[in-house]
Structure formats: structure tokens, C-alpha cells
């Protein structure tokens, strides 16, 4: 865990100086805007959307456990 913490401390400034500007440079302007989901959907809609996303992810994980189609091993 100490090595992970050290890696975060070292890579955060590097990411901020080099990786973030590169990614922002290749993204179209419409994808660079920050979005706060409750402003668009309301709090209820945002919570329902996140729960739906988590449910779909859970279903996918359970399906993958049975079939092993996306497993590395």
C-alpha cells in the first residue's frame, strides 16, 4: 500500500501537467463540459440512473462468471 501511495503522489502532478492537457486536446469541445447529473435529470432521476447502471453491471458480471467469455484466465 505504501508503494501505491507513493505512486499516486508521484504521478498526480505528472498526470496534471502532461496527460490531462493531451486528453483535453483530443476531445471535442462538447465532451469537455462538466456535467452534474442532478442538474439534468433531477436527484431522483440521477439516483435511478445510477442504480440502473449498477444493476446492469451486476447482471453482466454474473453472466460473465457463468460463461467466462471476458475472463483473462
PDB file of N, CA and C in Angstrom:
ATOM      1  N   UNK A   1       0.821  -1.190   0.000  1.00  0.00           N
ATOM      2  CA  UNK A   1       0.000   0.000   0.000  1.00  0.00           C
ATOM      3  C   UNK A   1       0.866   1.254   0.000  1.00  0.00           C
ATOM      4  N   UNK A   2       2.024   1.170   0.636  1.00  0.00           N
ATOM      5  CA  UNK A   2       2.907   2.339   0.640  1.00  0.00           C
ATOM      6  C   UNK A   2       3.401   2.660  -0.762  1.00  0.00           C
ATOM      7  N   UNK A   3       3.666   1.614  -1.550  1.00  0.00           N
ATOM      8  CA  UNK A   3       4.126   1.837  -2.923  1.00  0.00           C
ATOM      9  C   UNK A   3       3.008   2.460  -3.767  1.00  0.00           C
ATOM     10  N   UNK A   4       1.784   2.029  -3.540  1.00  0.00           N
ATOM     11  CA  UNK A   4       0.653   2.614  -4.259  1.00  0.00           C
ATOM     12  C   UNK A   4       0.486   4.088  -3.887  1.00  0.00           C
ATOM     13  N   UNK A   5       0.609   4.399  -2.620  1.00  0.00           N
ATOM     14  CA  UNK A   5       0.500   5.785  -2.169  1.00  0.00           C
ATOM     15  C   UNK A   5       1.619   6.627  -2.768  1.00  0.00           C
ATOM     16  N   UNK A   6       2.816   6.087  -2.786  1.00  0.00           N
ATOM     17  CA  UNK A   6       3.948   6.799  -3.391  1.00  0.00           C
ATOM     18  C   UNK A   6       3.707   7.022  -4.879  1.00  0.00           C
ATOM     19  N   UNK A   7       3.181   6.006  -5.562  1.00  0.00           N
ATOM     20  CA  UNK A   7       2.878   6.153  -6.980  1.00  0.00           C
ATOM     21  C   UNK A   7       1.854   7.239  -7.241  1.00  0.00           C
ATOM     22  N   UNK A   8       0.846   7.328  -6.385  1.00  0.00           N
ATOM     23  CA  UNK A   8      -0.165   8.378  -6.539  1.00  0.00           C
ATOM     24  C   UNK A   8       0.461   9.751  -6.331  1.00  0.00           C
ATOM     25  N   UNK A   9       1.301   9.866  -5.306  1.00  0.00           N
ATOM     26  CA  UNK A   9       1.941  11.159  -5.004  1.00  0.00           C
ATOM     27  C   UNK A   9       2.833  11.594  -6.161  1.00  0.00           C
ATOM     28  N   UNK A  10       3.540  10.659  -6.764  1.00  0.00           N
ATOM     29  CA  UNK A  10       4.459  10.998  -7.853  1.00  0.00           C
ATOM     30  C   UNK A  10       3.692  11.266  -9.153  1.00  0.00           C
ATOM     31  N   UNK A  11       2.690  10.455  -9.458  1.00  0.00           N
ATOM     32  CA  UNK A  11       2.022  10.543 -10.753  1.00  0.00           C
ATOM     33  C   UNK A  11       0.946  11.614 -10.845  1.00  0.00           C
ATOM     34  N   UNK A  12       0.415  12.095  -9.733  1.00  0.00           N
ATOM     35  CA  UNK A  12      -0.625  13.117  -9.793  1.00  0.00           C
ATOM     36  C   UNK A  12      -0.137  14.393 -10.485  1.00  0.00           C
ATOM     37  N   UNK A  13       1.001  14.953 -10.099  1.00  0.00           N
ATOM     38  CA  UNK A  13       1.462  16.150 -10.814  1.00  0.00           C
ATOM     39  C   UNK A  13       1.827  15.862 -12.269  1.00  0.00           C
ATOM     40  N   UNK A  14       2.399  14.691 -12.527  1.00  0.00           N
ATOM     41  CA  UNK A  14       2.752  14.334 -13.905  1.00  0.00           C
ATOM     42  C   UNK A  14       1.490  14.247 -14.759  1.00  0.00           C
ATOM     43  N   UNK A  15       0.471  13.616 -14.218  1.00  0.00           N
ATOM     44  CA  UNK A  15      -0.798  13.497 -14.937  1.00  0.00           C
ATOM     45  C   UNK A  15      -1.403  14.871 -15.199  1.00  0.00           C
ATOM     46  N   UNK A  16      -1.376  15.710 -14.185  1.00  0.00           N
ATOM     47  CA  UNK A  16      -1.981  17.031 -14.323  1.00  0.00           C
ATOM     48  C   UNK A  16      -1.250  17.882 -15.355  1.00  0.00           C
ATOM     49  N   UNK A  17       0.064  17.735 -15.450  1.00  0.00           N
ATOM     50  CA  UNK A  17       0.838  18.554 -16.378  1.00  0.00           C
ATOM     51  C   UNK A  17       0.865  18.006 -17.801  1.00  0.00           C
ATOM     52  N   UNK A  18       0.838  16.689 -17.967  1.00  0.00           N
ATOM     53  CA  UNK A  18       1.042  16.118 -19.290  1.00  0.00           C
ATOM     54  C   UNK A  18      -0.160  15.337 -19.829  1.00  0.00           C
ATOM     55  N   UNK A  19      -0.759  14.489 -19.034  1.00  0.00           N
ATOM     56  CA  UNK A  19      -1.815  13.612 -19.543  1.00  0.00           C
ATOM     57  C   UNK A  19      -3.130  14.364 -19.716  1.00  0.00           C
ATOM     58  N   UNK A  20      -3.528  15.152 -18.738  1.00  0.00           N
ATOM     59  CA  UNK A  20      -4.804  15.874 -18.814  1.00  0.00           C
ATOM     60  C   UNK A  20      -4.826  16.842 -19.996  1.00  0.00           C
ATOM     61  N   UNK A  21      -3.800  17.670 -20.215  1.00  0.00           N
ATOM     62  CA  UNK A  21      -3.846  18.556 -21.393  1.00  0.00           C
ATOM     63  C   UNK A  21      -3.893  17.791 -22.715  1.00  0.00           C
ATOM     64  N   UNK A  22      -3.208  16.654 -22.793  1.00  0.00           N
ATOM     65  CA  UNK A  22      -3.237  15.858 -24.017  1.00  0.00           C
ATOM     66  C   UNK A  22      -4.639  15.330 -24.288  1.00  0.00           C
ATOM     67  N   UNK A  23      -5.273  14.778 -23.265  1.00  0.00           N
ATOM     68  CA  UNK A  23      -6.619  14.221 -23.433  1.00  0.00           C
ATOM     69  C   UNK A  23      -7.610  15.329 -23.769  1.00  0.00           C
ATOM     70  N   UNK A  24      -7.502  16.467 -23.108  1.00  0.00           N
ATOM     71  CA  UNK A  24      -8.404  17.584 -23.415  1.00  0.00           C
ATOM     72  C   UNK A  24      -8.184  18.091 -24.830  1.00  0.00           C
ATOM     73  N   UNK A  25      -6.962  17.976 -25.317  1.00  0.00           N
ATOM     74  CA  UNK A  25      -6.667  18.432 -26.677  1.00  0.00           C
ATOM     75  C   UNK A  25      -7.300  17.559 -27.748  1.00  0.00           C
ATOM     76  N   UNK A  26      -7.474  16.273 -27.473  1.00  0.00           N
ATOM     77  CA  UNK A  26      -8.033  15.389 -28.490  1.00  0.00           C
ATOM     78  C   UNK A  26      -9.547  15.222 -28.367  1.00  0.00           C
ATOM     79  N   UNK A  27     -10.134  15.638 -27.250  1.00  0.00           N
ATOM     80  CA  UNK A  27     -11.583  15.534 -27.078  1.00  0.00           C
ATOM     81  C   UNK A  27     -12.278  16.714 -27.751  1.00  0.00           C
ATOM     82  N   UNK A  28     -13.422  16.491 -28.383  1.00  0.00           N
ATOM     83  CA  UNK A  28     -14.181  17.627 -28.912  1.00  0.00           C
ATOM     84  C   UNK A  28     -14.706  18.503 -27.773  1.00  0.00           C
ATOM     85  N   UNK A  29     -14.970  19.750 -28.082  1.00  0.00           N
ATOM     86  CA  UNK A  29     -15.424  20.707 -27.063  1.00  0.00           C
ATOM     87  C   UNK A  29     -16.692  20.234 -26.353  1.00  0.00           C
ATOM     88  N   UNK A  30     -17.583  19.555 -27.064  1.00  0.00           N
ATOM     89  CA  UNK A  30     -18.834  19.124 -26.455  1.00  0.00           C
ATOM     90  C   UNK A  30     -18.608  18.072 -25.368  1.00  0.00           C
ATOM     91  N   UNK A  31     -17.489  17.355 -25.416  1.00  0.00           N
ATOM     92  CA  UNK A  31     -17.204  16.334 -24.407  1.00  0.00           C
ATOM     93  C   UNK A  31     -16.349  16.873 -23.259  1.00  0.00           C
ATOM     94  N   UNK A  32     -15.937  18.118 -23.329  1.00  0.00           N
ATOM     95  CA  UNK A  32     -15.103  18.699 -22.282  1.00  0.00           C
ATOM     96  C   UNK A  32     -15.917  19.386 -21.197  1.00  0.00           C
ATOM     97  N   UNK A  33     -17.201  19.523 -21.401  1.00  0.00           N
ATOM     98  CA  UNK A  33     -18.038  20.189 -20.408  1.00  0.00           C
ATOM     99  C   UNK A  33     -18.253  19.287 -19.205  1.00  0.00           C
ATOM    100  N   UNK A  34     -18.230  19.873 -18.014  1.00  0.00           N
ATOM    101  CA  UNK A  34     -18.539  19.122 -16.807  1.00  0.00           C
ATOM    102  C   UNK A  34     -20.057  19.026 -16.673  1.00  0.00           C
ATOM    103  N   UNK A  35     -20.513  17.844 -16.284  1.00  0.00           N
ATOM    104  CA  UNK A  35     -21.944  17.603 -16.178  1.00  0.00           C
ATOM    105  C   UNK A  35     -22.258  17.154 -14.757  1.00  0.00           C
ATOM    106  N   UNK A  36     -23.243  17.781 -14.156  1.00  0.00           N
ATOM    107  CA  UNK A  36     -23.751  17.373 -12.856  1.00  0.00           C
ATOM    108  C   UNK A  36     -25.117  16.767 -13.110  1.00  0.00           C
ATOM    109  N   UNK A  37     -25.207  15.446 -12.996  1.00  0.00           N
ATOM    110  CA  UNK A  37     -26.404  14.708 -13.386  1.00  0.00           C
ATOM    111  C   UNK A  37     -27.691  15.244 -12.764  1.00  0.00           C
ATOM    112  N   UNK A  38     -27.724  15.587 -11.473  1.00  0.00           N
ATOM    113  CA  UNK A  38     -28.980  16.108 -10.917  1.00  0.00           C
ATOM    114  C   UNK A  38     -29.454  17.402 -11.579  1.00  0.00           C
ATOM    115  N   UNK A  39     -28.537  18.190 -12.155  1.00  0.00           N
ATOM    116  CA  UNK A  39     -28.982  19.384 -12.876  1.00  0.00           C
ATOM    117  C   UNK A  39     -29.765  19.011 -14.121  1.00  0.00           C
ATOM    118  N   UNK A  40     -29.454  17.874 -14.711  1.00  0.00           N
ATOM    119  CA  UNK A  40     -30.112  17.458 -15.941  1.00  0.00           C
ATOM    120  C   UNK A  40     -31.336  16.595 -15.654  1.00  0.00           C
ATOM    121  N   UNK A  41     -31.185  15.606 -14.755  1.00  0.00           N
ATOM    122  CA  UNK A  41     -32.245  14.629 -14.511  1.00  0.00           C
ATOM    123  C   UNK A  41     -32.999  14.845 -13.205  1.00  0.00           C
ATOM    124  N   UNK A  42     -32.520  15.718 -12.354  1.00  0.00           N
ATOM    125  CA  UNK A  42     -33.067  15.829 -11.006  1.00  0.00           C
ATOM    126  C   UNK A  42     -32.434  14.758 -10.135  1.00  0.00           C
ATOM    127  N   UNK A  43     -32.544  14.886  -8.831  1.00  0.00           N
ATOM    128  CA  UNK A  43     -31.895  13.935  -7.928  1.00  0.00           C
ATOM    129  C   UNK A  43     -32.494  12.536  -8.049  1.00  0.00           C
ATOM    130  N   UNK A  44     -33.800  12.465  -8.181  1.00  0.00           N
ATOM    131  CA  UNK A  44     -34.434  11.153  -8.304  1.00  0.00           C
ATOM    132  C   UNK A  44     -33.982  10.459  -9.580  1.00  0.00           C
ATOM    133  N   UNK A  45     -33.997  11.173 -10.683  1.00  0.00           N
ATOM    134  CA  UNK A  45     -33.577  10.600 -11.953  1.00  0.00           C
ATOM    135  C   UNK A  45     -32.118  10.181 -11.936  1.00  0.00           C
ATOM    136  N   UNK A  46     -31.258  10.981 -11.307  1.00  0.00           N
ATOM    137  CA  UNK A  46     -29.841  10.650 -11.238  1.00  0.00           C
ATOM    138  C   UNK A  46     -29.613   9.390 -10.408  1.00  0.00           C
ATOM    139  N   UNK A  47     -30.306   9.278  -9.281  1.00  0.00           N
ATOM    140  CA  UNK A  47     -30.169   8.085  -8.437  1.00  0.00           C
ATOM    141  C   UNK A  47     -30.698   6.857  -9.166  1.00  0.00           C
ATOM    142  N   UNK A  48     -31.839   6.983  -9.827  1.00  0.00           N
ATOM    143  CA  UNK A  48     -32.403   5.852 -10.571  1.00  0.00           C
ATOM    144  C   UNK A  48     -31.461   5.436 -11.698  1.00  0.00           C
ATOM    145  N   UNK A  49     -30.888   6.393 -12.402  1.00  0.00           N
ATOM    146  CA  UNK A  49     -29.947   6.072 -13.482  1.00  0.00           C
ATOM    147  C   UNK A  49     -28.727   5.338 -12.946  1.00  0.00           C
ATOM    148  N   UNK A  50     -28.178   5.791 -11.826  1.00  0.00           N
ATOM    149  CA  UNK A  50     -27.002   5.128 -11.249  1.00  0.00           C
ATOM    150  C   UNK A  50     -27.348   3.723 -10.756  1.00  0.00           C
ATOM    151  N   UNK A  51     -28.510   3.565 -10.141  1.00  0.00           N
ATOM    152  CA  UNK A  51     -28.921   2.232  -9.693  1.00  0.00           C
ATOM    153  C   UNK A  51     -29.148   1.299 -10.879  1.00  0.00           C
ATOM    154  N   UNK A  52     -29.708   1.826 -11.959  1.00  0.00           N
ATOM    155  CA  UNK A  52     -29.901   1.029 -13.169  1.00  0.00           C
ATOM    156  C   UNK A  52     -28.559   0.603 -13.749  1.00  0.00           C
ATOM    157  N   UNK A  53     -27.613   1.526 -13.777  1.00  0.00           N
ATOM    158  CA  UNK A  53     -26.272   1.210 -14.261  1.00  0.00           C
ATOM    159  C   UNK A  53     -25.625   0.122 -13.398  1.00  0.00           C
ATOM    160  N   UNK A  54     -25.739   0.243 -12.080  1.00  0.00           N
ATOM    161  CA  UNK A  54     -25.169  -0.764 -11.189  1.00  0.00           C
ATOM    162  C   UNK A  54     -25.856  -2.117 -11.363  1.00  0.00           C
ATOM    163  N   UNK A  55     -27.163  -2.126 -11.567  1.00  0.00           N
ATOM    164  CA  UNK A  55     -27.882  -3.372 -11.802  1.00  0.00           C
ATOM    165  C   UNK A  55     -27.418  -4.038 -13.099  1.00  0.00           C
ATOM    166  N   UNK A  56     -27.277  -3.253 -14.163  1.00  0.00           N
ATOM    167  CA  UNK A  56     -26.797  -3.810 -15.429  1.00  0.00           C
ATOM    168  C   UNK A  56     -25.381  -4.348 -15.291  1.00  0.00           C
ATOM    169  N   UNK A  57     -24.534  -3.633 -14.556  1.00  0.00           N
ATOM    170  CA  UNK A  57     -23.169  -4.101 -14.328  1.00  0.00           C
ATOM    171  C   UNK A  57     -23.169  -5.416 -13.544  1.00  0.00           C
ATOM    172  N   UNK A  58     -24.005  -5.513 -12.543  1.00  0.00           N
ATOM    173  CA  UNK A  58     -24.117  -6.734 -11.740  1.00  0.00           C
ATOM    174  C   UNK A  58     -24.576  -7.902 -12.612  1.00  0.00           C
ATOM    175  N   UNK A  59     -25.574  -7.661 -13.453  1.00  0.00           N
ATOM    176  CA  UNK A  59     -26.058  -8.713 -14.350  1.00  0.00           C
ATOM    177  C   UNK A  59     -24.947  -9.158 -15.291  1.00  0.00           C
ATOM    178  N   UNK A  60     -24.198  -8.207 -15.832  1.00  0.00           N
ATOM    179  CA  UNK A  60     -23.087  -8.544 -16.717  1.00  0.00           C
ATOM    180  C   UNK A  60     -22.025  -9.369 -15.987  1.00  0.00           C
ATOM    181  N   UNK A  61     -21.677  -8.980 -14.771  1.00  0.00           N
ATOM    182  CA  UNK A  61     -20.658  -9.705 -14.001  1.00  0.00           C
ATOM    183  C   UNK A  61     -21.122 -11.124 -13.706  1.00  0.00           C
ATOM    184  N   UNK A  62     -22.366 -11.296 -13.298  1.00  0.00           N
ATOM    185  CA  UNK A  62     -22.884 -12.645 -13.018  1.00  0.00           C
ATOM    186  C   UNK A  62     -22.898 -13.495 -14.281  1.00  0.00           C
ATOM    187  N   UNK A  63     -23.297 -12.899 -15.415  1.00  0.00           N
ATOM    188  CA  UNK A  63     -23.288 -13.624 -16.682  1.00  0.00           C
ATOM    189  C   UNK A  63     -21.864 -14.037 -17.049  1.00  0.00           C
ATOM    190  N   UNK A  64     -20.907 -13.125 -16.842  1.00  0.00           N
ATOM    191  CA  UNK A  64     -19.520 -13.430 -17.181  1.00  0.00           C
ATOM    192  C   UNK A  64     -18.949 -14.512 -16.262  1.00  0.00           C
ATOM    193  N   UNK A  65     -19.385 -14.547 -14.999  1.00  0.00           N
ATOM    194  CA  UNK A  65     -18.931 -15.606 -14.102  1.00  0.00           C
ATOM    195  C   UNK A  65     -19.373 -16.983 -14.604  1.00  0.00           C
ATOM    196  N   UNK A  66     -20.573 -17.044 -15.161  1.00  0.00           N
ATOM    197  CA  UNK A  66     -21.090 -18.317 -15.665  1.00  0.00           C
ATOM    198  C   UNK A  66     -20.437 -18.708 -16.985  1.00  0.00           C
ATOM    199  N   UNK A  67     -20.294 -17.743 -17.896  1.00  0.00           N
ATOM    200  CA  UNK A  67     -19.800 -18.077 -19.234  1.00  0.00           C
ATOM    201  C   UNK A  67     -18.307 -17.961 -19.372  1.00  0.00           C
ATOM    202  N   UNK A  68     -17.686 -17.022 -18.665  1.00  0.00           N
ATOM    203  CA  UNK A  68     -16.234 -16.814 -18.757  1.00  0.00           C
ATOM    204  C   UNK A  68     -15.787 -16.217 -20.073  1.00  0.00           C
ATOM    205  N   UNK A  69     -16.684 -15.552 -20.807  1.00  0.00           N
ATOM    206  CA  UNK A  69     -16.336 -15.012 -22.135  1.00  0.00           C
ATOM    207  C   UNK A  69     -15.348 -13.852 -22.055  1.00  0.00           C
ATOM    208  N   UNK A  70     -15.376 -13.087 -20.995  1.00  0.00           N
ATOM    209  CA  UNK A  70     -14.486 -11.944 -20.868  1.00  0.00           C
ATOM    210  C   UNK A  70     -13.435 -12.137 -19.781  1.00  0.00           C
ATOM    211  N   UNK A  71     -13.154 -13.371 -19.441  1.00  0.00           N
ATOM    212  CA  UNK A  71     -12.185 -13.665 -18.382  1.00  0.00           C
ATOM    213  C   UNK A  71     -10.784 -13.765 -18.958  1.00  0.00           C
ATOM    214  N   UNK A  72      -9.825 -13.284 -18.208  1.00  0.00           N
ATOM    215  CA  UNK A  72      -8.433 -13.337 -18.650  1.00  0.00           C
ATOM    216  C   UNK A  72      -7.848 -14.725 -18.465  1.00  0.00           C
ATOM    217  N   UNK A  73      -8.314 -15.466 -17.478  1.00  0.00           N
ATOM    218  CA  UNK A  73      -7.758 -16.788 -17.227  1.00  0.00           C
ATOM    219  C   UNK A  73      -8.639 -17.894 -17.744  1.00  0.00           C
TER     220      UNK A  73
END
